[in-house]
Amino acid sequence: MSFSKDSSNISRLKPNTWLWQSIIITLCCSPLFGIIALMNAVQVNSSYNIGNYEKAERVSRRAKTWLLVGLITGIIYYIVMIILMQTGNLPAGMEHILKESQQSIYNY
């Protein structure tokens, strides 16, 4: 029994899609970065199934990158909000933001 070293019939392992993680990030942390990760995650299976393994690996890495960016952004956002709530500066900060948004260049 001999084994051939022809690897053309052997397909690569499918890269991780990061799909469920992207959905969680979209719903809980950062919708913008989560949607970008979700769009890349959806492309992994289709690229792999048509045999475009390089693209499947590339969009998998891209989905993971945007997933981590969304996670870090969400964590920073929640930490800042908790600090503002604990220090009592949240209402004053929100009033300041609302007052600035009511002004426009046409008022000057």
PDB file of N, CA and C in Angstrom:
ATOM      1  N   MET A   1       0.846  -1.168   0.000  1.00  0.00           N
ATOM      2  CA  MET A   1       0.000   0.000   0.000  1.00  0.00           C
ATOM      3  C   MET A   1       0.894   1.235   0.000  1.00  0.00           C
ATOM      4  N   SER A   2       0.713   2.055  -0.967  1.00  0.00           N
ATOM      5  CA  SER A   2       1.538   3.257  -1.037  1.00  0.00           C
ATOM      6  C   SER A   2       0.649   4.481  -0.958  1.00  0.00           C
ATOM      7  N   PHE A   3       1.179   5.486  -0.348  1.00  0.00           N
ATOM      8  CA  PHE A   3       0.462   6.739  -0.207  1.00  0.00           C
ATOM      9  C   PHE A   3       1.069   7.742  -1.166  1.00  0.00           C
ATOM     10  N   SER A   4       0.228   8.400  -1.907  1.00  0.00           N
ATOM     11  CA  SER A   4       0.751   9.421  -2.817  1.00  0.00           C
ATOM     12  C   SER A   4       0.874  10.743  -2.075  1.00  0.00           C
ATOM     13  N   LYS A   5       1.785  11.525  -2.513  1.00  0.00           N
ATOM     14  CA  LYS A   5       1.995  12.820  -1.881  1.00  0.00           C
ATOM     15  C   LYS A   5       1.258  13.915  -2.617  1.00  0.00           C
ATOM     16  N   ASP A   6       0.276  13.516  -3.432  1.00  0.00           N
ATOM     17  CA  ASP A   6      -0.511  14.486  -4.169  1.00  0.00           C
ATOM     18  C   ASP A   6      -1.529  15.113  -3.216  1.00  0.00           C
ATOM     19  N   SER A   7      -1.345  16.352  -2.919  1.00  0.00           N
ATOM     20  CA  SER A   7      -2.227  17.033  -1.976  1.00  0.00           C
ATOM     21  C   SER A   7      -3.305  17.845  -2.666  1.00  0.00           C
ATOM     22  N   SER A   8      -3.481  17.683  -3.976  1.00  0.00           N
ATOM     23  CA  SER A   8      -4.486  18.463  -4.684  1.00  0.00           C
ATOM     24  C   SER A   8      -5.902  18.021  -4.332  1.00  0.00           C
ATOM     25  N   ASN A   9      -6.076  16.776  -3.904  1.00  0.00           N
ATOM     26  CA  ASN A   9      -7.398  16.291  -3.550  1.00  0.00           C
ATOM     27  C   ASN A   9      -7.750  16.554  -2.092  1.00  0.00           C
ATOM     28  N   ILE A  10      -6.812  16.979  -1.317  1.00  0.00           N
ATOM     29  CA  ILE A  10      -7.038  17.217   0.102  1.00  0.00           C
ATOM     30  C   ILE A  10      -7.398  18.683   0.292  1.00  0.00           C
ATOM     31  N   SER A  11      -8.561  18.922   0.887  1.00  0.00           N
ATOM     32  CA  SER A  11      -8.953  20.306   1.137  1.00  0.00           C
ATOM     33  C   SER A  11      -8.402  20.766   2.486  1.00  0.00           C
ATOM     34  N   ARG A  12      -8.246  22.029   2.592  1.00  0.00           N
ATOM     35  CA  ARG A  12      -7.734  22.605   3.845  1.00  0.00           C
ATOM     36  C   ARG A  12      -8.818  22.577   4.909  1.00  0.00           C
ATOM     37  N   LEU A  13      -8.386  22.736   6.135  1.00  0.00           N
ATOM     38  CA  LEU A  13      -9.346  22.849   7.221  1.00  0.00           C
ATOM     39  C   LEU A  13     -10.090  24.167   7.097  1.00  0.00           C
ATOM     40  N   LYS A  14     -11.377  24.122   7.397  1.00  0.00           N
ATOM     41  CA  LYS A  14     -12.181  25.332   7.300  1.00  0.00           C
ATOM     42  C   LYS A  14     -11.828  26.264   8.451  1.00  0.00           C
ATOM     43  N   PRO A  15     -11.537  27.528   8.138  1.00  0.00           N
ATOM     44  CA  PRO A  15     -11.229  28.468   9.220  1.00  0.00           C
ATOM     45  C   PRO A  15     -12.477  28.789  10.044  1.00  0.00           C
ATOM     46  N   ASN A  16     -12.248  29.265  11.229  1.00  0.00           N
ATOM     47  CA  ASN A  16     -13.340  29.635  12.120  1.00  0.00           C
ATOM     48  C   ASN A  16     -14.145  30.764  11.491  1.00  0.00           C
ATOM     49  N   THR A  17     -15.462  30.699  11.595  1.00  0.00           N
ATOM     50  CA  THR A  17     -16.302  31.744  11.004  1.00  0.00           C
ATOM     51  C   THR A  17     -16.471  32.938  11.930  1.00  0.00           C
ATOM     52  N   TRP A  18     -16.379  32.761  13.226  1.00  0.00           N
ATOM     53  CA  TRP A  18     -16.581  33.816  14.218  1.00  0.00           C
ATOM     54  C   TRP A  18     -17.997  34.379  14.138  1.00  0.00           C
ATOM     55  N   LEU A  19     -18.950  33.574  13.689  1.00  0.00           N
ATOM     56  CA  LEU A  19     -20.303  34.065  13.457  1.00  0.00           C
ATOM     57  C   LEU A  19     -21.062  34.350  14.749  1.00  0.00           C
ATOM     58  N   TRP A  20     -21.115  33.379  15.650  1.00  0.00           N
ATOM     59  CA  TRP A  20     -21.895  33.621  16.868  1.00  0.00           C
ATOM     60  C   TRP A  20     -21.242  34.687  17.738  1.00  0.00           C
ATOM     61  N   GLN A  21     -19.921  34.773  17.703  1.00  0.00           N
ATOM     62  CA  GLN A  21     -19.249  35.813  18.470  1.00  0.00           C
ATOM     63  C   GLN A  21     -19.577  37.199  17.887  1.00  0.00           C
ATOM     64  N   SER A  22     -19.665  37.278  16.572  1.00  0.00           N
ATOM     65  CA  SER A  22     -20.000  38.554  15.924  1.00  0.00           C
ATOM     66  C   SER A  22     -21.415  38.993  16.265  1.00  0.00           C
ATOM     67  N   ILE A  23     -22.322  38.037  16.361  1.00  0.00           N
ATOM     68  CA  ILE A  23     -23.701  38.372  16.731  1.00  0.00           C
ATOM     69  C   ILE A  23     -23.748  38.901  18.155  1.00  0.00           C
ATOM     70  N   ILE A  24     -23.023  38.274  19.065  1.00  0.00           N
ATOM     71  CA  ILE A  24     -22.996  38.721  20.465  1.00  0.00           C
ATOM     72  C   ILE A  24     -22.411  40.127  20.557  1.00  0.00           C
ATOM     73  N   ILE A  25     -21.311  40.383  19.847  1.00  0.00           N
ATOM     74  CA  ILE A  25     -20.684  41.712  19.872  1.00  0.00           C
ATOM     75  C   ILE A  25     -21.629  42.755  19.295  1.00  0.00           C
ATOM     76  N   THR A  26     -22.351  42.398  18.225  1.00  0.00           N
ATOM     77  CA  THR A  26     -23.294  43.330  17.615  1.00  0.00           C
ATOM     78  C   THR A  26     -24.404  43.699  18.589  1.00  0.00           C
ATOM     79  N   LEU A  27     -24.908  42.735  19.312  1.00  0.00           N
ATOM     80  CA  LEU A  27     -26.023  42.983  20.219  1.00  0.00           C
ATOM     81  C   LEU A  27     -25.606  43.617  21.542  1.00  0.00           C
ATOM     82  N   CYS A  28     -24.416  43.300  22.036  1.00  0.00           N
ATOM     83  CA  CYS A  28     -24.048  43.708  23.393  1.00  0.00           C
ATOM     84  C   CYS A  28     -23.016  44.830  23.470  1.00  0.00           C
ATOM     85  N   CYS A  29     -22.095  44.902  22.551  1.00  0.00           N
ATOM     86  CA  CYS A  29     -20.979  45.822  22.731  1.00  0.00           C
ATOM     87  C   CYS A  29     -20.971  46.967  21.726  1.00  0.00           C
ATOM     88  N   SER A  30     -20.757  46.646  20.484  1.00  0.00           N
ATOM     89  CA  SER A  30     -20.554  47.676  19.475  1.00  0.00           C
ATOM     90  C   SER A  30     -21.254  47.277  18.181  1.00  0.00           C
ATOM     91  N   PRO A  31     -22.415  47.843  17.909  1.00  0.00           N
ATOM     92  CA  PRO A  31     -23.142  47.456  16.698  1.00  0.00           C
ATOM     93  C   PRO A  31     -22.368  47.716  15.405  1.00  0.00           C
ATOM     94  N   LEU A  32     -21.666  48.810  15.321  1.00  0.00           N
ATOM     95  CA  LEU A  32     -20.946  49.138  14.090  1.00  0.00           C
ATOM     96  C   LEU A  32     -19.872  48.103  13.791  1.00  0.00           C
ATOM     97  N   PHE A  33     -18.977  47.863  14.728  1.00  0.00           N
ATOM     98  CA  PHE A  33     -17.892  46.915  14.512  1.00  0.00           C
ATOM     99  C   PHE A  33     -18.422  45.474  14.464  1.00  0.00           C
ATOM    100  N   GLY A  34     -19.501  45.214  15.182  1.00  0.00           N
ATOM    101  CA  GLY A  34     -20.107  43.892  15.145  1.00  0.00           C
ATOM    102  C   GLY A  34     -20.684  43.559  13.776  1.00  0.00           C
ATOM    103  N   ILE A  35     -21.299  44.541  13.129  1.00  0.00           N
ATOM    104  CA  ILE A  35     -21.850  44.318  11.793  1.00  0.00           C
ATOM    105  C   ILE A  35     -20.734  44.093  10.785  1.00  0.00           C
ATOM    106  N   ILE A  36     -19.648  44.829  10.914  1.00  0.00           N
ATOM    107  CA  ILE A  36     -18.507  44.618  10.014  1.00  0.00           C
ATOM    108  C   ILE A  36     -17.948  43.210  10.209  1.00  0.00           C
ATOM    109  N   ALA A  37     -17.822  42.776  11.455  1.00  0.00           N
ATOM    110  CA  ALA A  37     -17.342  41.418  11.733  1.00  0.00           C
ATOM    111  C   ALA A  37     -18.330  40.387  11.210  1.00  0.00           C
ATOM    112  N   LEU A  38     -19.612  40.671  11.349  1.00  0.00           N
ATOM    113  CA  LEU A  38     -20.650  39.757  10.879  1.00  0.00           C
ATOM    114  C   LEU A  38     -20.618  39.603   9.364  1.00  0.00           C
ATOM    115  N   MET A  39     -20.413  40.693   8.649  1.00  0.00           N
ATOM    116  CA  MET A  39     -20.333  40.628   7.191  1.00  0.00           C
ATOM    117  C   MET A  39     -19.152  39.772   6.741  1.00  0.00           C
ATOM    118  N   ASN A  40     -18.027  39.886   7.425  1.00  0.00           N
ATOM    119  CA  ASN A  40     -16.866  39.059   7.091  1.00  0.00           C
ATOM    120  C   ASN A  40     -17.086  37.603   7.495  1.00  0.00           C
ATOM    121  N   ALA A  41     -17.731  37.390   8.635  1.00  0.00           N
ATOM    122  CA  ALA A  41     -17.953  36.027   9.118  1.00  0.00           C
ATOM    123  C   ALA A  41     -18.858  35.241   8.181  1.00  0.00           C
ATOM    124  N   VAL A  42     -19.824  35.905   7.582  1.00  0.00           N
ATOM    125  CA  VAL A  42     -20.747  35.235   6.678  1.00  0.00           C
ATOM    126  C   VAL A  42     -20.029  34.778   5.404  1.00  0.00           C
ATOM    127  N   GLN A  43     -18.993  35.472   5.005  1.00  0.00           N
ATOM    128  CA  GLN A  43     -18.280  35.146   3.774  1.00  0.00           C
ATOM    129  C   GLN A  43     -17.348  33.936   3.914  1.00  0.00           C
ATOM    130  N   VAL A  44     -17.055  33.517   5.130  1.00  0.00           N
ATOM    131  CA  VAL A  44     -16.106  32.415   5.325  1.00  0.00           C
ATOM    132  C   VAL A  44     -16.634  31.123   4.719  1.00  0.00           C
ATOM    133  N   ASN A  45     -17.852  30.735   5.058  1.00  0.00           N
ATOM    134  CA  ASN A  45     -18.402  29.468   4.554  1.00  0.00           C
ATOM    135  C   ASN A  45     -18.534  29.463   3.042  1.00  0.00           C
ATOM    136  N   SER A  46     -19.048  30.539   2.466  1.00  0.00           N
ATOM    137  CA  SER A  46     -19.238  30.551   1.016  1.00  0.00           C
ATOM    138  C   SER A  46     -17.900  30.506   0.284  1.00  0.00           C
ATOM    139  N   SER A  47     -16.915  31.218   0.781  1.00  0.00           N
ATOM    140  CA  SER A  47     -15.594  31.184   0.146  1.00  0.00           C
ATOM    141  C   SER A  47     -14.962  29.806   0.270  1.00  0.00           C
ATOM    142  N   TYR A  48     -15.107  29.184   1.415  1.00  0.00           N
ATOM    143  CA  TYR A  48     -14.538  27.853   1.622  1.00  0.00           C
ATOM    144  C   TYR A  48     -15.231  26.812   0.730  1.00  0.00           C
ATOM    145  N   ASN A  49     -16.559  26.913   0.623  1.00  0.00           N
ATOM    146  CA  ASN A  49     -17.311  25.917  -0.140  1.00  0.00           C
ATOM    147  C   ASN A  49     -17.019  25.968  -1.639  1.00  0.00           C
ATOM    148  N   ILE A  50     -16.661  27.140  -2.162  1.00  0.00           N
ATOM    149  CA  ILE A  50     -16.328  27.206  -3.590  1.00  0.00           C
ATOM    150  C   ILE A  50     -14.856  26.915  -3.845  1.00  0.00           C
ATOM    151  N   GLY A  51     -14.092  26.678  -2.782  1.00  0.00           N
ATOM    152  CA  GLY A  51     -12.693  26.302  -2.933  1.00  0.00           C
ATOM    153  C   GLY A  51     -11.717  27.454  -2.859  1.00  0.00           C
ATOM    154  N   ASN A  52     -12.188  28.638  -2.529  1.00  0.00           N
ATOM    155  CA  ASN A  52     -11.312  29.801  -2.406  1.00  0.00           C
ATOM    156  C   ASN A  52     -10.808  29.856  -0.959  1.00  0.00           C
ATOM    157  N   TYR A  53      -9.835  28.999  -0.645  1.00  0.00           N
ATOM    158  CA  TYR A  53      -9.366  28.845   0.721  1.00  0.00           C
ATOM    159  C   TYR A  53      -8.629  30.079   1.230  1.00  0.00           C
ATOM    160  N   GLU A  54      -7.890  30.750   0.353  1.00  0.00           N
ATOM    161  CA  GLU A  54      -7.153  31.946   0.773  1.00  0.00           C
ATOM    162  C   GLU A  54      -8.119  33.052   1.202  1.00  0.00           C
ATOM    163  N   LYS A  55      -9.186  33.235   0.428  1.00  0.00           N
ATOM    164  CA  LYS A  55     -10.167  34.258   0.796  1.00  0.00           C
ATOM    165  C   LYS A  55     -10.880  33.877   2.088  1.00  0.00           C
ATOM    166  N   ALA A  56     -11.180  32.599   2.254  1.00  0.00           N
ATOM    167  CA  ALA A  56     -11.843  32.146   3.482  1.00  0.00           C
ATOM    168  C   ALA A  56     -10.973  32.443   4.701  1.00  0.00           C
ATOM    169  N   GLU A  57      -9.683  32.186   4.596  1.00  0.00           N
ATOM    170  CA  GLU A  57      -8.781  32.485   5.712  1.00  0.00           C
ATOM    171  C   GLU A  57      -8.660  33.990   5.933  1.00  0.00           C
ATOM    172  N   ARG A  58      -8.619  34.754   4.847  1.00  0.00           N
ATOM    173  CA  ARG A  58      -8.485  36.207   4.953  1.00  0.00           C
ATOM    174  C   ARG A  58      -9.712  36.833   5.629  1.00  0.00           C
ATOM    175  N   VAL A  59     -10.926  36.441   5.202  1.00  0.00           N
ATOM    176  CA  VAL A  59     -12.116  37.028   5.816  1.00  0.00           C
ATOM    177  C   VAL A  59     -12.317  36.517   7.241  1.00  0.00           C
ATOM    178  N   SER A  60     -11.820  35.319   7.542  1.00  0.00           N
ATOM    179  CA  SER A  60     -11.874  34.833   8.923  1.00  0.00           C
ATOM    180  C   SER A  60     -10.984  35.680   9.830  1.00  0.00           C
ATOM    181  N   ARG A  61      -9.779  35.978   9.361  1.00  0.00           N
ATOM    182  CA  ARG A  61      -8.884  36.846  10.154  1.00  0.00           C
ATOM    183  C   ARG A  61      -9.477  38.249  10.292  1.00  0.00           C
ATOM    184  N   ARG A  62     -10.084  38.746   9.220  1.00  0.00           N
ATOM    185  CA  ARG A  62     -10.690  40.076   9.258  1.00  0.00           C
ATOM    186  C   ARG A  62     -11.873  40.112  10.222  1.00  0.00           C
ATOM    187  N   ALA A  63     -12.680  39.046  10.224  1.00  0.00           N
ATOM    188  CA  ALA A  63     -13.811  38.969  11.153  1.00  0.00           C
ATOM    189  C   ALA A  63     -13.318  38.950  12.595  1.00  0.00           C
ATOM    190  N   LYS A  64     -12.251  38.203  12.851  1.00  0.00           N
ATOM    191  CA  LYS A  64     -11.685  38.149  14.205  1.00  0.00           C
ATOM    192  C   LYS A  64     -11.155  39.516  14.623  1.00  0.00           C
ATOM    193  N   THR A  65     -10.503  40.215  13.698  1.00  0.00           N
ATOM    194  CA  THR A  65      -9.960  41.539  14.013  1.00  0.00           C
ATOM    195  C   THR A  65     -11.069  42.507  14.393  1.00  0.00           C
ATOM    196  N   TRP A  66     -12.127  42.565  13.572  1.00  0.00           N
ATOM    197  CA  TRP A  66     -13.226  43.491  13.865  1.00  0.00           C
ATOM    198  C   TRP A  66     -13.991  43.064  15.106  1.00  0.00           C
ATOM    199  N   LEU A  67     -14.022  41.776  15.360  1.00  0.00           N
ATOM    200  CA  LEU A  67     -14.648  41.271  16.579  1.00  0.00           C
ATOM    201  C   LEU A  67     -13.910  41.781  17.809  1.00  0.00           C
ATOM    202  N   LEU A  68     -12.591  41.711  17.777  1.00  0.00           N
ATOM    203  CA  LEU A  68     -11.795  42.197  18.906  1.00  0.00           C
ATOM    204  C   LEU A  68     -11.886  43.711  19.050  1.00  0.00           C
ATOM    205  N   VAL A  69     -11.916  44.436  17.927  1.00  0.00           N
ATOM    206  CA  VAL A  69     -12.075  45.894  17.992  1.00  0.00           C
ATOM    207  C   VAL A  69     -13.412  46.242  18.632  1.00  0.00           C
ATOM    208  N   GLY A  70     -14.474  45.546  18.243  1.00  0.00           N
ATOM    209  CA  GLY A  70     -15.784  45.783  18.836  1.00  0.00           C
ATOM    210  C   GLY A  70     -15.827  45.444  20.307  1.00  0.00           C
ATOM    211  N   LEU A  71     -15.168  44.358  20.691  1.00  0.00           N
ATOM    212  CA  LEU A  71     -15.132  43.962  22.093  1.00  0.00           C
ATOM    213  C   LEU A  71     -14.389  44.996  22.932  1.00  0.00           C
ATOM    214  N   ILE A  72     -13.240  45.424  22.469  1.00  0.00           N
ATOM    215  CA  ILE A  72     -12.450  46.418  23.211  1.00  0.00           C
ATOM    216  C   ILE A  72     -13.196  47.744  23.296  1.00  0.00           C
ATOM    217  N   THR A  73     -13.813  48.163  22.201  1.00  0.00           N
ATOM    218  CA  THR A  73     -14.591  49.406  22.203  1.00  0.00           C
ATOM    219  C   THR A  73     -15.755  49.315  23.180  1.00  0.00           C
ATOM    220  N   GLY A  74     -16.438  48.185  23.181  1.00  0.00           N
ATOM    221  CA  GLY A  74     -17.559  48.003  24.103  1.00  0.00           C
ATOM    222  C   GLY A  74     -17.127  48.004  25.557  1.00  0.00           C
ATOM    223  N   ILE A  75     -16.024  47.338  25.839  1.00  0.00           N
ATOM    224  CA  ILE A  75     -15.524  47.315  27.219  1.00  0.00           C
ATOM    225  C   ILE A  75     -15.140  48.717  27.684  1.00  0.00           C
ATOM    226  N   ILE A  76     -14.452  49.458  26.833  1.00  0.00           N
ATOM    227  CA  ILE A  76     -14.078  50.838  27.188  1.00  0.00           C
ATOM    228  C   ILE A  76     -15.320  51.690  27.414  1.00  0.00           C
ATOM    229  N   TYR A  77     -16.321  51.543  26.552  1.00  0.00           N
ATOM    230  CA  TYR A  77     -17.563  52.310  26.687  1.00  0.00           C
ATOM    231  C   TYR A  77     -18.236  52.011  28.022  1.00  0.00           C
ATOM    232  N   TYR A  78     -18.357  50.711  28.353  1.00  0.00           N
ATOM    233  CA  TYR A  78     -19.018  50.363  29.608  1.00  0.00           C
ATOM    234  C   TYR A  78     -18.217  50.815  30.827  1.00  0.00           C
ATOM    235  N   ILE A  79     -16.907  50.761  30.760  1.00  0.00           N
ATOM    236  CA  ILE A  79     -16.081  51.233  31.882  1.00  0.00           C
ATOM    237  C   ILE A  79     -16.278  52.730  32.084  1.00  0.00           C
ATOM    238  N   VAL A  80     -16.273  53.502  30.996  1.00  0.00           N
ATOM    239  CA  VAL A  80     -16.473  54.955  31.099  1.00  0.00           C
ATOM    240  C   VAL A  80     -17.857  55.263  31.659  1.00  0.00           C
ATOM    241  N   MET A  81     -18.876  54.550  31.188  1.00  0.00           N
ATOM    242  CA  MET A  81     -20.228  54.800  31.693  1.00  0.00           C
ATOM    243  C   MET A  81     -20.345  54.451  33.177  1.00  0.00           C
ATOM    244  N   ILE A  82     -19.729  53.364  33.612  1.00  0.00           N
ATOM    245  CA  ILE A  82     -19.777  52.993  35.029  1.00  0.00           C
ATOM    246  C   ILE A  82     -19.062  54.036  35.870  1.00  0.00           C
ATOM    247  N   ILE A  83     -17.917  54.511  35.393  1.00  0.00           N
ATOM    248  CA  ILE A  83     -17.186  55.551  36.133  1.00  0.00           C
ATOM    249  C   ILE A  83     -18.015  56.822  36.222  1.00  0.00           C
ATOM    250  N   LEU A  84     -18.642  57.225  35.123  1.00  0.00           N
ATOM    251  CA  LEU A  84     -19.470  58.435  35.148  1.00  0.00           C
ATOM    252  C   LEU A  84     -20.671  58.271  36.072  1.00  0.00           C
ATOM    253  N   MET A  85     -21.261  57.089  36.106  1.00  0.00           N
ATOM    254  CA  MET A  85     -22.397  56.876  37.007  1.00  0.00           C
ATOM    255  C   MET A  85     -21.955  56.864  38.466  1.00  0.00           C
ATOM    256  N   GLN A  86     -20.802  56.267  38.753  1.00  0.00           N
ATOM    257  CA  GLN A  86     -20.327  56.178  40.130  1.00  0.00           C
ATOM    258  C   GLN A  86     -19.893  57.538  40.670  1.00  0.00           C
ATOM    259  N   THR A  87     -19.326  58.368  39.821  1.00  0.00           N
ATOM    260  CA  THR A  87     -18.871  59.678  40.283  1.00  0.00           C
ATOM    261  C   THR A  87     -19.990  60.697  40.294  1.00  0.00           C
ATOM    262  N   GLY A  88     -21.114  60.383  39.681  1.00  0.00           N
ATOM    263  CA  GLY A  88     -22.234  61.316  39.659  1.00  0.00           C
ATOM    264  C   GLY A  88     -22.126  62.347  38.559  1.00  0.00           C
ATOM    265  N   ASN A  89     -21.198  62.215  37.656  1.00  0.00           N
ATOM    266  CA  ASN A  89     -21.022  63.187  36.580  1.00  0.00           C
ATOM    267  C   ASN A  89     -21.824  62.858  35.327  1.00  0.00           C
ATOM    268  N   LEU A  90     -22.556  61.777  35.338  1.00  0.00           N
ATOM    269  CA  LEU A  90     -23.294  61.387  34.144  1.00  0.00           C
ATOM    270  C   LEU A  90     -24.384  62.398  33.779  1.00  0.00           C
ATOM    271  N   PRO A  91     -25.242  62.834  34.718  1.00  0.00           N
ATOM    272  CA  PRO A  91     -26.271  63.809  34.321  1.00  0.00           C
ATOM    273  C   PRO A  91     -25.681  65.128  33.815  1.00  0.00           C
ATOM    274  N   ALA A  92     -24.640  65.623  34.477  1.00  0.00           N
ATOM    275  CA  ALA A  92     -24.030  66.877  34.042  1.00  0.00           C
ATOM    276  C   ALA A  92     -23.356  66.712  32.686  1.00  0.00           C
ATOM    277  N   GLY A  93     -22.715  65.585  32.494  1.00  0.00           N
ATOM    278  CA  GLY A  93     -22.075  65.323  31.214  1.00  0.00           C
ATOM    279  C   GLY A  93     -23.078  65.219  30.086  1.00  0.00           C
ATOM    280  N   MET A  94     -24.207  64.582  30.348  1.00  0.00           N
ATOM    281  CA  MET A  94     -25.241  64.468  29.328  1.00  0.00           C
ATOM    282  C   MET A  94     -25.869  65.824  29.018  1.00  0.00           C
ATOM    283  N   GLU A  95     -26.074  66.663  30.033  1.00  0.00           N
ATOM    284  CA  GLU A  95     -26.600  68.007  29.789  1.00  0.00           C
ATOM    285  C   GLU A  95     -25.639  68.810  28.932  1.00  0.00           C
ATOM    286  N   HIS A  96     -24.348  68.690  29.212  1.00  0.00           N
ATOM    287  CA  HIS A  96     -23.342  69.403  28.431  1.00  0.00           C
ATOM    288  C   HIS A  96     -23.372  68.956  26.968  1.00  0.00           C
ATOM    289  N   ILE A  97     -23.498  67.663  26.743  1.00  0.00           N
ATOM    290  CA  ILE A  97     -23.557  67.145  25.376  1.00  0.00           C
ATOM    291  C   ILE A  97     -24.812  67.631  24.674  1.00  0.00           C
ATOM    292  N   LEU A  98     -25.948  67.631  25.383  1.00  0.00           N
ATOM    293  CA  LEU A  98     -27.195  68.075  24.763  1.00  0.00           C
ATOM    294  C   LEU A  98     -27.175  69.564  24.447  1.00  0.00           C
ATOM    295  N   LYS A  99     -26.584  70.379  25.328  1.00  0.00           N
ATOM    296  CA  LYS A  99     -26.500  71.813  25.064  1.00  0.00           C
ATOM    297  C   LYS A  99     -25.613  72.099  23.865  1.00  0.00           C
ATOM    298  N   GLU A 100     -24.512  71.369  23.734  1.00  0.00           N
ATOM    299  CA  GLU A 100     -23.623  71.573  22.595  1.00  0.00           C
ATOM    300  C   GLU A 100     -24.277  71.142  21.298  1.00  0.00           C
ATOM    301  N   SER A 101     -25.105  70.120  21.341  1.00  0.00           N
ATOM    302  CA  SER A 101     -25.730  69.648  20.105  1.00  0.00           C
ATOM    303  C   SER A 101     -26.834  70.576  19.643  1.00  0.00           C
ATOM    304  N   GLN A 102     -27.379  71.414  20.539  1.00  0.00           N
ATOM    305  CA  GLN A 102     -28.433  72.343  20.144  1.00  0.00           C
ATOM    306  C   GLN A 102     -27.857  73.578  19.460  1.00  0.00           C
ATOM    307  N   GLN A 103     -26.588  73.848  19.685  1.00  0.00           N
ATOM    308  CA  GLN A 103     -25.962  74.991  19.042  1.00  0.00           C
ATOM    309  C   GLN A 103     -25.520  74.596  17.651  1.00  0.00           C
ATOM    310  N   SER A 104     -25.566  75.562  16.756  1.00  0.00           N
ATOM    311  CA  SER A 104     -25.064  75.305  15.412  1.00  0.00           C
ATOM    312  C   SER A 104     -24.304  76.527  14.938  1.00  0.00           C
ATOM    313  N   ILE A 105     -23.665  76.407  13.816  1.00  0.00           N
ATOM    314  CA  ILE A 105     -22.886  77.537  13.303  1.00  0.00           C
ATOM    315  C   ILE A 105     -23.798  78.666  12.859  1.00  0.00           C
ATOM    316  N   TYR A 106     -25.084  78.380  12.644  1.00  0.00           N
ATOM    317  CA  TYR A 106     -26.026  79.420  12.214  1.00  0.00           C
ATOM    318  C   TYR A 106     -26.460  80.310  13.356  1.00  0.00           C
ATOM    319  N   ASN A 107     -26.195  79.905  14.612  1.00  0.00           N
ATOM    320  CA  ASN A 107     -26.558  80.734  15.766  1.00  0.00           C
ATOM    321  C   ASN A 107     -25.538  81.820  16.029  1.00  0.00           C
ATOM    322  N   TYR A 108     -24.404  81.795  15.367  1.00  0.00           N
ATOM    323  CA  TYR A 108     -23.342  82.753  15.672  1.00  0.00           C
ATOM    324  C   TYR A 108     -23.330  83.900  14.706  1.00  0.00           C
TER     325      TYR A 108
END
